[in-house]
Amino acid sequence: MNEHRSAVEFDTTIDEHGAIHLPEILQSALNKGTKVSVRVISNVISKELKSKRVLESEIEQLMSLQLENREQVVKFLLTEGSLVGNKSFLKRAKSLLEK
């Protein structure tokens, strides 16, 4: 794998010993001892998203539609509608739409 531009996202589980296993294709693509960066994101739906009635299937659908990772889709869903109650924002938006 090209160390400067390669990025792979995959789903896995943590085994009973606390280990995270790479898919076989990644194991064969990486040399032993290769340094990698790991970002751990839990696939649990937060209380905020549950209150908006977001389903796991909807997150996955948005991920594929937007070609975004889970973290970005969750951020999008959490901020959705956050400016609706902001009157100054609504005035600015309305004035831009009237142009």
Protein backbone atom coordinates (compact mmCIF):
# COMPACT_ATOMS: atom_id res chain seq x y z
CA MET A 1 0.00 0.00 0.00
CA ASN A 2 1.22 3.48 -0.79
CA GLU A 3 2.04 4.93 2.62
CA HIS A 4 1.36 8.52 1.60
CA ARG A 5 -2.14 8.22 0.17
CA SER A 6 -3.64 4.95 1.30
CA ALA A 7 -6.63 4.94 3.56
CA VAL A 8 -8.97 2.06 4.19
CA GLU A 9 -12.07 1.89 6.31
CA PHE A 10 -13.49 -1.42 7.48
CA ASP A 11 -15.82 -2.75 10.13
CA THR A 12 -14.62 -5.26 12.67
CA THR A 13 -15.30 -6.34 16.21
CA ILE A 14 -13.09 -6.50 19.26
CA ASP A 15 -12.53 -10.13 20.24
CA GLU A 16 -12.71 -11.57 23.76
CA HIS A 17 -9.00 -10.74 24.27
CA GLY A 18 -9.42 -7.10 23.24
CA ALA A 19 -7.72 -7.55 19.86
CA ILE A 20 -8.84 -5.95 16.62
CA HIS A 21 -8.13 -8.08 13.57
CA LEU A 22 -7.38 -6.74 10.12
CA PRO A 23 -9.16 -8.27 7.14
CA GLU A 24 -6.97 -10.80 5.30
CA ILE A 25 -6.58 -8.57 2.25
CA LEU A 26 -5.05 -5.84 4.43
CA GLN A 27 -2.78 -8.31 6.21
CA SER A 28 -1.35 -9.40 2.87
CA ALA A 29 -1.01 -5.79 1.63
CA LEU A 30 0.93 -4.60 4.69
CA ASN A 31 4.40 -5.73 5.64
CA LYS A 32 4.94 -6.93 9.20
CA GLY A 33 6.07 -4.02 11.33
CA THR A 34 4.37 -1.40 9.15
CA LYS A 35 3.14 1.54 11.20
CA VAL A 36 -0.53 2.39 10.75
CA SER A 37 -2.85 4.95 12.31
CA VAL A 38 -6.02 3.66 13.87
CA ARG A 39 -9.14 5.68 14.65
CA VAL A 40 -11.75 3.89 16.74
CA ILE A 41 -15.35 4.93 16.24
CA SER A 42 -18.09 3.06 18.03
CA ASN A 43 -21.00 1.98 15.86
CA VAL A 44 -23.48 2.76 18.61
CA ILE A 45 -26.19 5.29 17.85
CA SER A 46 -26.06 8.17 20.34
CA LYS A 47 -29.01 9.34 22.45
CA GLU A 48 -29.24 12.49 20.32
CA LEU A 49 -29.64 10.47 17.13
CA LYS A 50 -32.05 8.06 18.80
CA SER A 51 -34.20 11.05 19.79
CA LYS A 52 -34.28 12.02 16.09
CA ARG A 53 -35.33 8.42 15.32
CA VAL A 54 -32.25 7.74 13.17
CA LEU A 55 -31.72 4.08 12.32
CA GLU A 56 -28.43 2.30 11.66
CA SER A 57 -29.67 1.45 8.16
CA GLU A 58 -30.17 5.18 7.46
CA ILE A 59 -26.63 5.97 8.53
CA GLU A 60 -25.30 3.23 6.25
CA GLN A 61 -27.44 4.47 3.36
CA LEU A 62 -26.15 8.03 3.78
CA MET A 63 -22.58 6.73 3.98
CA SER A 64 -22.95 5.08 0.60
CA LEU A 65 -24.86 7.97 -0.99
CA GLN A 66 -22.51 10.69 0.19
CA LEU A 67 -19.35 8.55 -0.03
CA GLU A 68 -18.55 9.65 3.51
CA ASN A 69 -17.33 7.73 6.52
CA ARG A 70 -19.59 7.04 9.48
CA GLU A 71 -18.12 9.83 11.58
CA GLN A 72 -18.94 12.49 8.97
CA VAL A 73 -22.49 11.20 8.46
CA VAL A 74 -23.13 11.21 12.22
CA LYS A 75 -21.82 14.80 12.48
CA PHE A 76 -24.11 15.80 9.61
CA LEU A 77 -27.14 14.20 11.24
CA LEU A 78 -26.38 15.77 14.62
CA THR A 79 -26.16 19.28 13.14
CA GLU A 80 -29.16 18.89 10.86
CA GLY A 81 -31.74 21.49 11.77
CA SER A 82 -29.51 23.24 14.30
CA LEU A 83 -29.94 26.65 12.61
CA VAL A 84 -33.72 26.48 12.21
CA GLY A 85 -34.36 28.36 15.46
CA ASN A 86 -31.65 30.98 14.82
CA LYS A 87 -33.58 34.10 13.73
CA SER A 88 -30.54 36.06 12.53
CA PHE A 89 -29.48 33.11 10.36
CA LEU A 90 -32.98 32.81 8.91
CA LYS A 91 -33.00 36.53 8.02
CA ARG A 92 -29.60 36.26 6.29
CA ALA A 93 -30.67 33.13 4.42
CA LYS A 94 -33.94 34.74 3.33
CA SER A 95 -32.13 37.85 2.05
CA LEU A 96 -29.69 35.68 0.05
CA LEU A 97 -32.55 33.70 -1.48
CA GLU A 98 -34.33 36.90 -2.54
CA LYS A 99 -31.34 38.07 -4.61
